[in-house]
């Protein structure tokens, strides 16, 4: 495995790491933590493999729209969480429920689809690279959740912090 591929794996996992810090600020059940981590890892394996097979044109169409859709989801989620914190509403359940448990891991792994298109030109083993991407993203996701949990407890304002992180991620995605 060459250094470039390893650096790409880390770069792809950084989106999930950042998102996980915000998510970790909330109280999350252990099974949801592991479920989210597992889904991020699985999507980071499947998306580049899908990218290897779909072709560059489809990736360019999806890639451009995906950034804005993902940014909008994070932005509105951040605004909602921040607003609830201002109003003093305590979230009864974690954001990682139902549909969001699937959408959030998918949103942070969509970049791996585009990367999959280009990796074929490096002459690397697509399955090996995809598994590396998945393991790296899962590890960074778990680390982000742990850091977010500690930051939320330390600052005692987890809803504010999570909201600000999500809004910042959304803005940085479109800039």
N, C-alpha and C. Protein backbone atom coordinates (compact mmCIF):
# COMPACT_ATOMS: atom_id res chain seq x y z
N UNK A 1 0.86 -1.17 0.00
CA UNK A 1 0.00 0.00 0.00
C UNK A 1 0.90 1.23 0.00
N UNK A 2 0.64 2.16 -0.91
CA UNK A 2 1.52 3.32 -0.95
C UNK A 2 1.00 4.45 -0.06
N UNK A 3 1.88 5.39 0.20
CA UNK A 3 1.59 6.49 1.11
C UNK A 3 0.41 7.34 0.63
N UNK A 4 0.33 7.54 -0.67
CA UNK A 4 -0.76 8.36 -1.21
C UNK A 4 -2.13 7.77 -0.89
N UNK A 5 -2.26 6.47 -1.03
CA UNK A 5 -3.54 5.81 -0.75
C UNK A 5 -3.88 5.92 0.73
N UNK A 6 -2.87 5.79 1.58
CA UNK A 6 -3.12 5.92 3.02
C UNK A 6 -3.55 7.34 3.38
N UNK A 7 -2.94 8.33 2.75
CA UNK A 7 -3.32 9.72 3.00
C UNK A 7 -4.74 10.00 2.50
N UNK A 8 -5.11 9.40 1.38
CA UNK A 8 -6.48 9.56 0.87
C UNK A 8 -7.47 8.94 1.85
N UNK A 9 -7.13 7.79 2.42
CA UNK A 9 -8.00 7.14 3.39
C UNK A 9 -8.22 8.05 4.61
N UNK A 10 -7.17 8.68 5.07
CA UNK A 10 -7.30 9.60 6.22
C UNK A 10 -8.14 10.81 5.83
N UNK A 11 -7.86 11.35 4.65
CA UNK A 11 -8.63 12.52 4.20
C UNK A 11 -10.12 12.21 4.09
N UNK A 12 -10.45 11.04 3.55
CA UNK A 12 -11.86 10.65 3.43
C UNK A 12 -12.50 10.46 4.80
N UNK A 13 -11.75 9.96 5.76
CA UNK A 13 -12.28 9.73 7.10
C UNK A 13 -12.45 10.99 7.92
N UNK A 14 -11.84 12.10 7.49
CA UNK A 14 -11.91 13.34 8.27
C UNK A 14 -13.32 13.93 8.30
N UNK A 15 -14.11 13.75 7.26
CA UNK A 15 -15.50 14.22 7.29
C UNK A 15 -16.27 13.50 8.39
N UNK A 16 -16.11 12.20 8.46
CA UNK A 16 -16.83 11.45 9.49
C UNK A 16 -16.28 11.78 10.88
N UNK A 17 -14.99 12.05 10.98
CA UNK A 17 -14.39 12.44 12.24
C UNK A 17 -15.02 13.75 12.74
N UNK A 18 -15.09 14.74 11.86
CA UNK A 18 -15.66 16.04 12.24
C UNK A 18 -17.12 15.91 12.63
N UNK A 19 -17.89 15.20 11.82
CA UNK A 19 -19.30 15.00 12.12
C UNK A 19 -19.46 14.26 13.45
N UNK A 20 -18.62 13.30 13.69
CA UNK A 20 -18.71 12.49 14.90
C UNK A 20 -18.42 13.28 16.16
N UNK A 21 -17.56 14.28 16.07
CA UNK A 21 -17.32 15.12 17.23
C UNK A 21 -18.63 15.81 17.63
N UNK A 22 -19.34 16.35 16.64
CA UNK A 22 -20.62 16.98 16.92
C UNK A 22 -21.65 16.01 17.46
N UNK A 23 -21.70 14.83 16.86
CA UNK A 23 -22.64 13.82 17.34
C UNK A 23 -22.30 13.34 18.73
N UNK A 24 -21.01 13.21 19.00
CA UNK A 24 -20.56 12.71 20.29
C UNK A 24 -20.91 13.63 21.45
N UNK A 25 -21.20 14.89 21.15
CA UNK A 25 -21.59 15.83 22.21
C UNK A 25 -22.93 15.47 22.83
N UNK A 26 -23.70 14.66 22.15
CA UNK A 26 -25.00 14.23 22.66
C UNK A 26 -24.83 12.92 23.43
N UNK A 27 -25.80 12.63 24.22
CA UNK A 27 -25.79 11.32 24.88
C UNK A 27 -26.31 10.30 23.89
N UNK A 28 -25.46 9.35 23.56
CA UNK A 28 -25.79 8.34 22.55
C UNK A 28 -25.66 6.96 23.18
N UNK A 29 -26.65 6.13 22.90
CA UNK A 29 -26.60 4.75 23.40
C UNK A 29 -25.42 4.02 22.75
N UNK A 30 -24.82 3.12 23.51
CA UNK A 30 -23.66 2.38 23.04
C UNK A 30 -23.94 1.65 21.72
N UNK A 31 -25.09 1.04 21.59
CA UNK A 31 -25.38 0.29 20.35
C UNK A 31 -25.49 1.24 19.15
N UNK A 32 -25.95 2.47 19.37
CA UNK A 32 -26.03 3.44 18.27
C UNK A 32 -24.65 3.95 17.89
N UNK A 33 -23.78 4.07 18.89
CA UNK A 33 -22.40 4.47 18.60
C UNK A 33 -21.76 3.45 17.69
N UNK A 34 -21.89 2.17 18.06
CA UNK A 34 -21.28 1.12 17.25
C UNK A 34 -21.99 0.96 15.92
N UNK A 35 -23.30 1.13 15.90
CA UNK A 35 -24.04 1.05 14.64
C UNK A 35 -23.62 2.14 13.67
N UNK A 36 -23.51 3.37 14.17
CA UNK A 36 -23.08 4.48 13.33
C UNK A 36 -21.65 4.26 12.82
N UNK A 37 -20.77 3.85 13.72
CA UNK A 37 -19.39 3.59 13.34
C UNK A 37 -19.31 2.50 12.26
N UNK A 38 -20.07 1.45 12.45
CA UNK A 38 -20.09 0.35 11.48
C UNK A 38 -20.63 0.81 10.13
N UNK A 39 -21.71 1.59 10.15
CA UNK A 39 -22.28 2.07 8.89
C UNK A 39 -21.33 3.00 8.14
N UNK A 40 -20.65 3.87 8.87
CA UNK A 40 -19.65 4.73 8.22
C UNK A 40 -18.59 3.87 7.56
N UNK A 41 -18.10 2.87 8.28
CA UNK A 41 -17.09 1.98 7.71
C UNK A 41 -17.59 1.24 6.48
N UNK A 42 -18.80 0.71 6.57
CA UNK A 42 -19.37 -0.04 5.43
C UNK A 42 -19.54 0.87 4.22
N UNK A 43 -20.09 2.07 4.43
CA UNK A 43 -20.26 2.99 3.30
C UNK A 43 -18.93 3.42 2.71
N UNK A 44 -17.90 3.53 3.54
CA UNK A 44 -16.59 3.90 3.03
C UNK A 44 -15.91 2.74 2.29
N UNK A 45 -16.44 1.56 2.42
CA UNK A 45 -15.99 0.43 1.60
C UNK A 45 -16.82 0.37 0.31
N UNK A 46 -18.13 0.46 0.45
CA UNK A 46 -19.02 0.31 -0.70
C UNK A 46 -18.93 1.45 -1.70
N UNK A 47 -18.82 2.68 -1.23
CA UNK A 47 -18.82 3.82 -2.13
C UNK A 47 -17.64 3.83 -3.09
N UNK A 48 -16.40 3.61 -2.63
CA UNK A 48 -15.33 3.58 -3.62
C UNK A 48 -15.45 2.40 -4.59
N UNK A 49 -15.94 1.27 -4.07
CA UNK A 49 -16.15 0.13 -4.98
C UNK A 49 -17.18 0.48 -6.04
N UNK A 50 -18.24 1.14 -5.62
CA UNK A 50 -19.24 1.59 -6.57
C UNK A 50 -18.63 2.57 -7.56
N UNK A 51 -17.77 3.44 -7.04
CA UNK A 51 -17.09 4.40 -7.90
C UNK A 51 -16.21 3.76 -8.95
N UNK A 52 -15.57 2.67 -8.57
CA UNK A 52 -14.73 1.95 -9.53
C UNK A 52 -15.56 1.48 -10.72
N UNK A 53 -16.82 1.18 -10.48
CA UNK A 53 -17.65 0.57 -11.52
C UNK A 53 -18.57 1.54 -12.27
N UNK A 54 -18.87 2.66 -11.69
CA UNK A 54 -19.84 3.56 -12.32
C UNK A 54 -19.28 4.42 -13.44
N UNK A 55 -18.09 4.92 -13.25
CA UNK A 55 -17.52 5.78 -14.27
C UNK A 55 -17.45 7.23 -13.83
N UNK A 56 -16.58 7.96 -14.45
CA UNK A 56 -16.30 9.34 -14.07
C UNK A 56 -17.48 10.28 -14.30
N UNK A 57 -18.25 10.15 -15.33
CA UNK A 57 -19.34 11.09 -15.61
C UNK A 57 -20.41 11.07 -14.51
N UNK A 58 -20.79 9.90 -14.07
CA UNK A 58 -21.80 9.80 -13.02
C UNK A 58 -21.30 10.41 -11.72
N UNK A 59 -20.02 10.24 -11.44
CA UNK A 59 -19.44 10.79 -10.22
C UNK A 59 -19.44 12.31 -10.21
N UNK A 60 -19.19 12.90 -11.36
CA UNK A 60 -19.19 14.36 -11.43
C UNK A 60 -20.59 14.91 -11.20
N UNK A 61 -21.61 14.26 -11.75
CA UNK A 61 -23.00 14.71 -11.56
C UNK A 61 -23.40 14.54 -10.10
N UNK A 62 -23.17 13.37 -9.53
CA UNK A 62 -23.52 13.11 -8.13
C UNK A 62 -22.68 13.94 -7.18
N UNK A 63 -21.39 14.02 -7.46
CA UNK A 63 -20.48 14.71 -6.55
C UNK A 63 -20.85 16.15 -6.31
N UNK A 64 -21.16 16.89 -7.34
CA UNK A 64 -21.52 18.29 -7.19
C UNK A 64 -22.79 18.50 -6.40
N UNK A 65 -23.79 17.70 -6.68
CA UNK A 65 -25.06 17.81 -5.96
C UNK A 65 -24.92 17.31 -4.53
N UNK A 66 -24.16 16.27 -4.34
CA UNK A 66 -24.04 15.66 -3.01
C UNK A 66 -23.44 16.64 -1.99
N UNK A 67 -22.50 17.45 -2.42
CA UNK A 67 -21.88 18.41 -1.50
C UNK A 67 -22.93 19.38 -0.97
N UNK A 68 -23.76 19.90 -1.87
CA UNK A 68 -24.77 20.88 -1.46
C UNK A 68 -25.89 20.24 -0.65
N UNK A 69 -26.29 19.05 -1.01
CA UNK A 69 -27.33 18.36 -0.25
C UNK A 69 -26.82 18.03 1.14
N UNK A 70 -25.62 17.49 1.23
CA UNK A 70 -25.04 17.17 2.53
C UNK A 70 -24.85 18.42 3.38
N UNK A 71 -24.40 19.51 2.76
CA UNK A 71 -24.22 20.76 3.49
C UNK A 71 -25.55 21.28 4.01
N UNK A 72 -26.59 21.19 3.20
CA UNK A 72 -27.91 21.66 3.63
C UNK A 72 -28.43 20.84 4.81
N UNK A 73 -28.26 19.53 4.75
CA UNK A 73 -28.71 18.67 5.85
C UNK A 73 -27.99 19.05 7.14
N UNK A 74 -26.67 19.19 7.07
CA UNK A 74 -25.90 19.54 8.26
C UNK A 74 -26.25 20.94 8.77
N UNK A 75 -26.43 21.88 7.86
CA UNK A 75 -26.75 23.25 8.25
C UNK A 75 -28.08 23.31 8.99
N UNK A 76 -29.11 22.72 8.42
CA UNK A 76 -30.41 22.76 9.06
C UNK A 76 -30.43 21.96 10.37
N UNK A 77 -29.70 20.88 10.39
CA UNK A 77 -29.57 20.11 11.62
C UNK A 77 -28.88 20.94 12.70
N UNK A 78 -27.81 21.63 12.33
CA UNK A 78 -27.10 22.49 13.26
C UNK A 78 -27.96 23.62 13.78
N UNK A 79 -28.70 24.27 12.88
CA UNK A 79 -29.61 25.35 13.28
C UNK A 79 -30.66 24.82 14.26
N UNK A 80 -31.23 23.66 13.95
CA UNK A 80 -32.26 23.07 14.81
C UNK A 80 -31.70 22.78 16.20
N UNK A 81 -30.53 22.18 16.25
CA UNK A 81 -29.93 21.85 17.54
C UNK A 81 -29.59 23.10 18.33
N UNK A 82 -29.04 24.10 17.65
CA UNK A 82 -28.67 25.35 18.31
C UNK A 82 -29.93 26.05 18.83
N UNK A 83 -30.98 26.08 18.02
CA UNK A 83 -32.24 26.72 18.42
C UNK A 83 -32.85 26.00 19.63
N UNK A 84 -32.82 24.69 19.63
CA UNK A 84 -33.34 23.94 20.77
C UNK A 84 -32.55 24.26 22.03
N UNK A 85 -31.24 24.45 21.88
CA UNK A 85 -30.42 24.79 23.04
C UNK A 85 -30.77 26.18 23.56
N UNK A 86 -31.00 27.12 22.65
CA UNK A 86 -31.38 28.48 23.05
C UNK A 86 -32.72 28.46 23.78
N UNK A 87 -33.66 27.68 23.27
CA UNK A 87 -34.98 27.61 23.89
C UNK A 87 -34.96 26.78 25.17
N UNK A 88 -33.86 26.12 25.43
CA UNK A 88 -33.75 25.33 26.66
C UNK A 88 -34.38 23.96 26.55
N UNK A 89 -34.66 23.52 25.33
CA UNK A 89 -35.24 22.19 25.14
C UNK A 89 -34.13 21.16 25.21
N UNK A 90 -34.32 20.18 26.03
CA UNK A 90 -33.36 19.08 26.12
C UNK A 90 -33.82 17.98 25.19
N UNK A 91 -32.92 17.57 24.32
CA UNK A 91 -33.23 16.52 23.36
C UNK A 91 -33.42 15.21 24.11
N UNK A 92 -34.59 14.62 23.94
CA UNK A 92 -34.89 13.36 24.64
C UNK A 92 -34.15 12.18 24.03
N UNK A 93 -34.03 12.22 22.73
CA UNK A 93 -33.37 11.11 22.05
C UNK A 93 -32.26 11.66 21.17
N UNK A 94 -31.34 10.84 20.90
CA UNK A 94 -30.21 11.20 20.06
C UNK A 94 -30.66 11.36 18.62
N UNK A 95 -29.91 12.16 17.88
CA UNK A 95 -30.18 12.37 16.47
C UNK A 95 -30.01 11.08 15.66
N UNK A 96 -29.26 10.13 16.18
CA UNK A 96 -28.99 8.90 15.44
C UNK A 96 -30.14 7.91 15.58
N UNK A 97 -31.25 8.28 15.02
CA UNK A 97 -32.44 7.43 15.01
C UNK A 97 -32.93 7.24 13.59
N UNK A 98 -33.46 6.09 13.32
CA UNK A 98 -34.13 5.81 12.05
C UNK A 98 -33.37 6.27 10.83
N UNK A 99 -34.00 7.15 10.09
CA UNK A 99 -33.50 7.62 8.81
C UNK A 99 -32.14 8.30 8.94
N UNK A 100 -31.95 9.08 10.00
CA UNK A 100 -30.69 9.80 10.18
C UNK A 100 -29.52 8.85 10.44
N UNK A 101 -29.79 7.70 11.01
CA UNK A 101 -28.73 6.73 11.23
C UNK A 101 -28.18 6.22 9.90
N UNK A 102 -28.96 6.31 8.86
CA UNK A 102 -28.52 5.90 7.53
C UNK A 102 -28.00 7.10 6.73
N UNK A 103 -28.69 8.23 6.81
CA UNK A 103 -28.35 9.40 5.99
C UNK A 103 -27.00 10.00 6.38
N UNK A 104 -26.74 10.14 7.67
CA UNK A 104 -25.49 10.77 8.09
C UNK A 104 -24.25 9.97 7.66
N UNK A 105 -24.20 8.66 7.87
CA UNK A 105 -23.03 7.92 7.36
C UNK A 105 -22.91 8.00 5.83
N UNK A 106 -24.04 7.99 5.15
CA UNK A 106 -24.01 8.10 3.70
C UNK A 106 -23.48 9.46 3.28
N UNK A 107 -23.89 10.50 3.98
CA UNK A 107 -23.47 11.86 3.60
C UNK A 107 -21.97 12.06 3.75
N UNK A 108 -21.35 11.44 4.75
CA UNK A 108 -19.90 11.61 4.93
C UNK A 108 -19.09 10.65 4.07
N UNK A 109 -19.74 9.71 3.43
CA UNK A 109 -18.99 8.76 2.61
C UNK A 109 -19.18 9.00 1.11
N UNK A 110 -19.98 9.99 0.74
CA UNK A 110 -20.25 10.22 -0.68
C UNK A 110 -18.98 10.62 -1.42
N UNK A 111 -18.05 11.30 -0.73
CA UNK A 111 -16.78 11.66 -1.37
C UNK A 111 -16.00 10.42 -1.81
N UNK A 112 -16.16 9.34 -1.08
CA UNK A 112 -15.45 8.10 -1.42
C UNK A 112 -15.91 7.56 -2.77
N UNK A 113 -17.13 7.90 -3.18
CA UNK A 113 -17.62 7.49 -4.50
C UNK A 113 -16.76 8.13 -5.58
N UNK A 114 -16.56 9.44 -5.48
CA UNK A 114 -15.75 10.14 -6.47
C UNK A 114 -14.30 9.66 -6.45
N UNK A 115 -13.78 9.42 -5.27
CA UNK A 115 -12.40 8.94 -5.16
C UNK A 115 -12.26 7.58 -5.83
N UNK A 116 -13.28 6.77 -5.72
CA UNK A 116 -13.25 5.46 -6.35
C UNK A 116 -13.06 5.54 -7.86
N UNK A 117 -13.61 6.59 -8.48
CA UNK A 117 -13.45 6.75 -9.92
C UNK A 117 -11.98 6.92 -10.31
N UNK A 118 -11.29 7.74 -9.52
CA UNK A 118 -9.90 8.04 -9.85
C UNK A 118 -8.90 6.99 -9.44
N UNK A 119 -9.25 6.17 -8.47
CA UNK A 119 -8.27 5.20 -7.97
C UNK A 119 -7.93 4.10 -8.96
N UNK A 120 -8.80 3.85 -9.88
CA UNK A 120 -8.50 2.85 -10.88
C UNK A 120 -7.26 3.19 -11.69
N UNK A 121 -6.98 4.48 -11.82
CA UNK A 121 -5.81 4.91 -12.58
C UNK A 121 -4.51 4.70 -11.82
N UNK A 122 -4.58 4.48 -10.50
CA UNK A 122 -3.37 4.25 -9.71
C UNK A 122 -2.89 2.81 -9.80
N UNK A 123 -3.72 1.93 -10.34
CA UNK A 123 -3.34 0.53 -10.45
C UNK A 123 -3.30 -0.17 -9.11
N UNK A 124 -4.18 0.22 -8.21
CA UNK A 124 -4.23 -0.41 -6.89
C UNK A 124 -5.35 -1.45 -6.86
N UNK A 125 -5.27 -2.33 -5.90
CA UNK A 125 -6.31 -3.33 -5.72
C UNK A 125 -7.52 -2.64 -5.11
N UNK A 126 -8.61 -2.56 -5.86
CA UNK A 126 -9.77 -1.78 -5.43
C UNK A 126 -10.38 -2.29 -4.12
N UNK A 127 -10.43 -3.60 -3.93
CA UNK A 127 -11.02 -4.14 -2.71
C UNK A 127 -10.15 -3.82 -1.49
N UNK A 128 -8.84 -3.97 -1.64
CA UNK A 128 -7.92 -3.67 -0.55
C UNK A 128 -8.02 -2.20 -0.16
N UNK A 129 -8.04 -1.32 -1.15
CA UNK A 129 -8.12 0.12 -0.90
C UNK A 129 -9.45 0.46 -0.24
N UNK A 130 -10.54 -0.12 -0.71
CA UNK A 130 -11.86 0.16 -0.14
C UNK A 130 -11.94 -0.29 1.31
N UNK A 131 -11.37 -1.44 1.63
CA UNK A 131 -11.36 -1.92 3.01
C UNK A 131 -10.53 -0.98 3.89
N UNK A 132 -9.40 -0.53 3.37
CA UNK A 132 -8.58 0.44 4.10
C UNK A 132 -9.38 1.72 4.37
N UNK A 133 -10.10 2.19 3.36
CA UNK A 133 -10.93 3.39 3.54
C UNK A 133 -11.97 3.16 4.64
N UNK A 134 -12.61 2.00 4.61
CA UNK A 134 -13.65 1.70 5.59
C UNK A 134 -13.10 1.61 7.00
N UNK A 135 -11.98 0.92 7.17
CA UNK A 135 -11.38 0.79 8.50
C UNK A 135 -10.91 2.14 9.04
N UNK A 136 -10.30 2.93 8.17
CA UNK A 136 -9.82 4.25 8.59
C UNK A 136 -10.99 5.15 8.99
N UNK A 137 -12.04 5.17 8.17
CA UNK A 137 -13.20 6.01 8.47
C UNK A 137 -13.88 5.56 9.76
N UNK A 138 -13.99 4.25 9.96
CA UNK A 138 -14.62 3.75 11.19
C UNK A 138 -13.78 4.14 12.41
N UNK A 139 -12.48 4.02 12.31
CA UNK A 139 -11.60 4.39 13.42
C UNK A 139 -11.72 5.89 13.73
N UNK A 140 -11.68 6.72 12.70
CA UNK A 140 -11.80 8.16 12.91
C UNK A 140 -13.19 8.55 13.43
N UNK A 141 -14.22 7.83 13.00
CA UNK A 141 -15.57 8.07 13.49
C UNK A 141 -15.65 7.79 14.98
N UNK A 142 -15.13 6.66 15.38
CA UNK A 142 -15.16 6.29 16.80
C UNK A 142 -14.36 7.28 17.64
N UNK A 143 -13.22 7.69 17.14
CA UNK A 143 -12.40 8.67 17.84
C UNK A 143 -13.15 10.00 17.97
N UNK A 144 -13.80 10.43 16.90
CA UNK A 144 -14.58 11.67 16.93
C UNK A 144 -15.72 11.60 17.92
N UNK A 145 -16.41 10.46 17.98
CA UNK A 145 -17.50 10.29 18.94
C UNK A 145 -16.98 10.38 20.38
N UNK A 146 -15.84 9.78 20.64
CA UNK A 146 -15.27 9.83 21.98
C UNK A 146 -14.85 11.25 22.35
N UNK A 147 -14.20 11.95 21.42
CA UNK A 147 -13.79 13.32 21.70
C UNK A 147 -15.00 14.23 21.90
N UNK A 148 -16.03 14.05 21.09
CA UNK A 148 -17.24 14.84 21.22
C UNK A 148 -17.93 14.60 22.55
N UNK A 149 -17.94 13.36 22.99
CA UNK A 149 -18.54 13.02 24.27
C UNK A 149 -17.81 13.74 25.40
N UNK A 150 -16.51 13.70 25.35
CA UNK A 150 -15.72 14.37 26.40
C UNK A 150 -15.90 15.88 26.34
N UNK A 151 -15.91 16.45 25.13
CA UNK A 151 -16.08 17.90 24.99
C UNK A 151 -17.46 18.33 25.48
N UNK A 152 -18.47 17.56 25.14
CA UNK A 152 -19.83 17.89 25.58
C UNK A 152 -19.98 17.87 27.09
N UNK A 153 -19.36 16.89 27.72
CA UNK A 153 -19.42 16.80 29.19
C UNK A 153 -18.61 17.92 29.83
N UNK A 154 -17.46 18.22 29.25
CA UNK A 154 -16.60 19.25 29.80
C UNK A 154 -17.24 20.63 29.70
N UNK A 155 -17.84 20.92 28.55
CA UNK A 155 -18.41 22.24 28.33
C UNK A 155 -19.84 22.36 28.86
N UNK A 156 -20.48 21.25 29.12
CA UNK A 156 -21.85 21.22 29.63
C UNK A 156 -22.82 22.00 28.75
N UNK A 157 -22.52 22.09 27.49
CA UNK A 157 -23.41 22.78 26.55
C UNK A 157 -23.39 22.03 25.23
N UNK A 158 -23.66 20.76 25.29
CA UNK A 158 -23.48 19.89 24.14
C UNK A 158 -24.34 20.28 22.95
N UNK A 159 -25.56 20.74 23.18
CA UNK A 159 -26.43 21.10 22.06
C UNK A 159 -25.87 22.30 21.30
N UNK A 160 -25.37 23.30 22.03
CA UNK A 160 -24.75 24.46 21.38
C UNK A 160 -23.54 24.02 20.56
N UNK A 161 -22.68 23.26 21.19
CA UNK A 161 -21.45 22.82 20.54
C UNK A 161 -21.75 21.99 19.30
N UNK A 162 -22.65 21.04 19.41
CA UNK A 162 -23.01 20.20 18.26
C UNK A 162 -23.60 21.05 17.14
N UNK A 163 -24.48 21.98 17.50
CA UNK A 163 -25.08 22.85 16.49
C UNK A 163 -24.04 23.67 15.76
N UNK A 164 -23.13 24.26 16.50
CA UNK A 164 -22.08 25.08 15.90
C UNK A 164 -21.18 24.23 15.00
N UNK A 165 -20.84 23.03 15.44
CA UNK A 165 -19.99 22.15 14.63
C UNK A 165 -20.68 21.80 13.32
N UNK A 166 -21.97 21.44 13.38
CA UNK A 166 -22.69 21.08 12.16
C UNK A 166 -22.80 22.26 11.20
N UNK A 167 -23.09 23.44 11.73
CA UNK A 167 -23.18 24.63 10.88
C UNK A 167 -21.83 24.93 10.23
N UNK A 168 -20.75 24.85 11.01
CA UNK A 168 -19.42 25.09 10.47
C UNK A 168 -19.06 24.07 9.40
N UNK A 169 -19.40 22.81 9.62
CA UNK A 169 -19.14 21.78 8.60
C UNK A 169 -19.89 22.07 7.31
N UNK A 170 -21.15 22.48 7.45
CA UNK A 170 -21.96 22.79 6.27
C UNK A 170 -21.36 23.94 5.48
N UNK A 171 -20.97 24.98 6.17
CA UNK A 171 -20.39 26.15 5.50
C UNK A 171 -19.07 25.79 4.84
N UNK A 172 -18.23 25.04 5.54
CA UNK A 172 -16.93 24.67 4.96
C UNK A 172 -17.10 23.75 3.75
N UNK A 173 -18.15 22.98 3.71
CA UNK A 173 -18.37 22.06 2.58
C UNK A 173 -18.67 22.81 1.29
N UNK A 174 -19.33 23.96 1.39
CA UNK A 174 -19.69 24.67 0.16
C UNK A 174 -18.71 25.75 -0.21
N UNK A 175 -17.75 26.05 0.67
CA UNK A 175 -16.75 27.08 0.35
C UNK A 175 -15.59 26.53 -0.42
